Every structure is written in C-alpha cells, then in structure tokens.
C-alpha atoms as a PDB file:
ATOM      1  CA  MET A   1       0.000   0.000   0.000  1.00  0.00           C
ATOM      2  CA  ASN A   2       1.540   3.314  -1.101  1.00  0.00           C
ATOM      3  CA  ARG A   3       0.114   6.043   1.166  1.00  0.00           C
ATOM      4  CA  ARG A   4       1.369   9.552   1.697  1.00  0.00           C
ATOM      5  CA  ARG A   5       2.927   9.841   5.124  1.00  0.00           C
ATOM      6  CA  ALA A   6       3.589  13.000   7.072  1.00  0.00           C
ATOM      7  CA  GLN A   7       7.217  14.062   7.064  1.00  0.00           C
ATOM      8  CA  PRO A   8       9.011  15.652  10.020  1.00  0.00           C
ATOM      9  CA  PRO A   9       9.647  19.376   9.674  1.00  0.00           C
ATOM     10  CA  VAL A  10      12.908  20.518   8.125  1.00  0.00           C
ATOM     11  CA  SER A  11      14.057  21.671  11.541  1.00  0.00           C
ATOM     12  CA  GLN A  12      13.801  18.110  12.958  1.00  0.00           C
ATOM     13  CA  THR A  13      17.099  16.237  12.633  1.00  0.00           C
ATOM     14  CA  PRO A  14      17.685  12.513  13.271  1.00  0.00           C
ATOM     15  CA  GLU A  15      19.728  13.389  16.383  1.00  0.00           C
ATOM     16  CA  ALA A  16      16.782  15.332  17.788  1.00  0.00           C
ATOM     17  CA  ARG A  17      14.327  12.450  18.185  1.00  0.00           C
ATOM     18  CA  SER A  18      13.734  13.335  21.859  1.00  0.00           C
ATOM     19  CA  LEU A  19      11.457  16.256  20.803  1.00  0.00           C
ATOM     20  CA  LYS A  20      14.378  18.653  20.796  1.00  0.00           C
ATOM     21  CA  ILE A  21      14.109  20.695  17.614  1.00  0.00           C
ATOM     22  CA  VAL A  22      17.331  22.033  16.137  1.00  0.00           C
ATOM     23  CA  LEU A  23      17.131  25.370  14.337  1.00  0.00           C
ATOM     24  CA  PRO A  24      19.114  25.175  11.065  1.00  0.00           C
ATOM     25  CA  GLU A  25      21.056  28.186   9.820  1.00  0.00           C
ATOM     26  CA  GLY A  26      18.842  30.824   8.237  1.00  0.00           C
ATOM     27  CA  LEU A  27      15.512  29.419   9.458  1.00  0.00           C
ATOM     28  CA  SER A  28      13.570  31.946  11.520  1.00  0.00           C
ATOM     29  CA  PRO A  29      11.739  30.921  14.716  1.00  0.00           C
ATOM     30  CA  GLU A  30       8.443  31.710  12.941  1.00  0.00           C
ATOM     31  CA  GLN A  31       9.315  29.362  10.075  1.00  0.00           C
ATOM     32  CA  ARG A  32      10.350  26.668  12.557  1.00  0.00           C
ATOM     33  CA  GLN A  33       6.956  27.024  14.260  1.00  0.00           C
ATOM     34  CA  ARG A  34       5.160  26.787  10.933  1.00  0.00           C
ATOM     35  CA  ASP A  35       7.166  23.694   9.919  1.00  0.00           C
ATOM     36  CA  ALA A  36       6.349  22.013  13.235  1.00  0.00           C
ATOM     37  CA  ALA A  37       2.666  23.013  12.997  1.00  0.00           C
ATOM     38  CA  GLU A  38       2.438  21.627   9.456  1.00  0.00           C
ATOM     39  CA  TYR A  39       4.013  18.347  10.589  1.00  0.00           C
ATOM     40  CA  LEU A  40       1.601  18.169  13.542  1.00  0.00           C
ATOM     41  CA  ALA A  41      -1.371  18.874  11.253  1.00  0.00           C
ATOM     42  CA  ASP A  42      -0.342  16.008   8.961  1.00  0.00           C
ATOM     43  CA  MET A  43       0.109  13.590  11.860  1.00  0.00           C
ATOM     44  CA  ILE A  44      -3.170  14.590  13.525  1.00  0.00           C
ATOM     45  CA  LEU A  45      -5.004  14.211  10.212  1.00  0.00           C
ATOM     46  CA  GLU A  46      -3.733  10.645   9.906  1.00  0.00           C
ATOM     47  CA  LEU A  47      -4.894   9.866  13.451  1.00  0.00           C
ATOM     48  CA  ARG A  48      -8.265  11.493  12.745  1.00  0.00           C
ATOM     49  CA  ASN A  49      -8.684   9.417   9.583  1.00  0.00           C
ATOM     50  CA  LEU A  50      -7.822   6.240  11.485  1.00  0.00           C
ATOM     51  CA  ALA A  51     -10.366   7.057  14.211  1.00  0.00           C
ATOM     52  CA  ARG A  52     -12.984   7.836  11.565  1.00  0.00           C
ATOM     53  CA  SER A  53     -12.345   4.583   9.678  1.00  0.00           C
ATOM     54  CA  VAL A  54     -13.213   2.513  12.753  1.00  0.00           C
ATOM     55  CA  ASN A  55     -16.085   4.771  13.937  1.00  0.00           C
ATOM     56  CA  LEU A  56     -14.332   6.117  17.032  1.00  0.00           C
ATOM     57  CA  HIS A  57     -16.235   9.406  16.876  1.00  0.00           C
ATOM     58  CA  THR A  58     -15.448  10.461  20.455  1.00  0.00           C
ATOM     59  CA  ILE A  59     -11.753  10.381  19.500  1.00  0.00           C
ATOM     60  CA  MET A  60     -12.249  11.720  15.982  1.00  0.00           C
ATOM     61  CA  VAL A  61     -13.968  14.979  16.985  1.00  0.00           C
ATOM     62  CA  PRO A  62     -11.210  16.391  19.250  1.00  0.00           C
ATOM     63  CA  LEU A  63      -8.628  15.336  16.651  1.00  0.00           C
ATOM     64  CA  GLU A  64     -10.596  17.287  14.056  1.00  0.00           C
ATOM     65  CA  TYR A  65     -10.393  20.417  16.222  1.00  0.00           C
ATOM     66  CA  ALA A  66      -6.689  19.848  16.847  1.00  0.00           C
ATOM     67  CA  TYR A  67      -6.097  19.452  13.106  1.00  0.00           C
ATOM     68  CA  TYR A  68      -7.741  22.791  12.305  1.00  0.00           C
ATOM     69  CA  GLU A  69      -5.733  24.549  15.014  1.00  0.00           C
ATOM     70  CA  ALA A  70      -2.447  23.103  13.755  1.00  0.00           C
ATOM     71  CA  PHE A  71      -3.347  23.777  10.112  1.00  0.00           C
ATOM     72  CA  GLY A  72      -4.241  27.372  10.982  1.00  0.00           C
ATOM     73  CA  ALA A  73      -0.915  27.867  12.753  1.00  0.00           C
ATOM     74  CA  ALA A  74       0.979  26.377   9.806  1.00  0.00           C
ATOM     75  CA  HIS A  75      -0.774  28.577   7.252  1.00  0.00           C
ATOM     76  CA  ARG A  76      -1.029  31.799   9.208  1.00  0.00           C
ATOM     77  CA  ILE A  77      -1.360  34.882   7.042  1.00  0.00           C
ATOM     78  CA  GLU A  78       0.629  37.921   8.069  1.00  0.00           C
ATOM     79  CA  VAL A  79      -1.246  41.188   7.573  1.00  0.00           C
ATOM     80  CA  PRO A  80       0.987  43.789   5.893  1.00  0.00           C
ATOM     81  CA  GLU A  81       1.986  46.765   8.030  1.00  0.00           C
ATOM     82  CA  GLY A  82      -0.592  49.559   7.787  1.00  0.00           C
ATOM     83  CA  GLU A  83      -3.285  47.351   6.254  1.00  0.00           C
ATOM     84  CA  ILE A  84      -5.413  47.125   9.403  1.00  0.00           C
ATOM     85  CA  GLU A  85      -5.448  50.914   9.727  1.00  0.00           C
ATOM     86  CA  ARG A  86      -6.449  51.249   6.066  1.00  0.00           C
ATOM     87  CA  ILE A  87      -9.359  48.837   6.578  1.00  0.00           C
ATOM     88  CA  LYS A  88     -10.505  50.761   9.667  1.00  0.00           C
ATOM     89  CA  ARG A  89     -10.482  53.987   7.615  1.00  0.00           C
ATOM     90  CA  LEU A  90     -12.571  52.320   4.917  1.00  0.00           C
ATOM     91  CA  VAL A  91     -15.065  51.136   7.546  1.00  0.00           C
ATOM     92  CA  ARG A  92     -15.365  54.687   8.942  1.00  0.00           C
ATOM     93  CA  VAL A  93     -15.910  56.117   5.444  1.00  0.00           C
ATOM     94  CA  GLY A  94     -18.573  53.481   4.765  1.00  0.00           C
ATOM     95  CA  GLU A  95     -20.340  54.191   8.064  1.00  0.00           C
ATOM     96  CA  GLU A  96     -20.288  57.957   7.436  1.00  0.00           C
ATOM     97  CA  SER A  97     -21.692  57.374   3.959  1.00  0.00           C
ATOM     98  CA  ASN A  98     -24.495  55.224   5.392  1.00  0.00           C
ATOM     99  CA  HIS A  99     -25.386  57.891   8.001  1.00  0.00           C
ATOM    100  CA  ARG A 100     -25.578  60.605   5.328  1.00  0.00           C
ATOM    101  CA  SER A 101     -27.747  58.559   2.980  1.00  0.00           C
ATOM    102  CA  GLY A 102     -29.920  56.965   5.638  1.00  0.00           C
END
C-alpha cells in the first residue's frame, strides 16, 4: 500500500528524536513554528482518519479540532503593516456614507 505519510519538519534532525528541535542556519523561529505546525497537522489528520475509519467518533472529533488549530498555525497569514489601519479607515468612510444617505 503506497500512502502519503507525514514528514518531520525541516528543523527536525535525526539526532533530535527526543522532541528537541534544532534550528538550522537561516531558518527563523516563525518558520520553525510553521514547519512544526504543518508536521503536527499532517500527523493529527492521519490519526483522525484512522479514528474515523473505525467509527471512534469520540476520538475523531477532538482530533478534528486539533487538526484545524495546527493547520491554521501552519498557514497563518501575516497582515501587511498599515493594512489594518487602512481597513478601519474604509469602515469609517462606509459608516459615514451610510449615516448621510440613511
């Protein structure tokens, strides 16, 4: 059976099997977190699929939540500097426009 298996993050070396993660040169702490979160998401998804395949729903549901949390951490989107303020300005302009027309 040829199934896709989750791979350890780049920052995980064979010497670091005791959960100690080694930070390679040039890899930021944020990237290391994302690599680890992506690895965790893959592993949790496999566990969730196993639980689902044998109808262990009480185990499957918390694994589903854990998967979404890990996936979200792995694929976090960074908001560009100044973008939040620009959106707030647009909201204020929209609200002012609604008050004038309404």
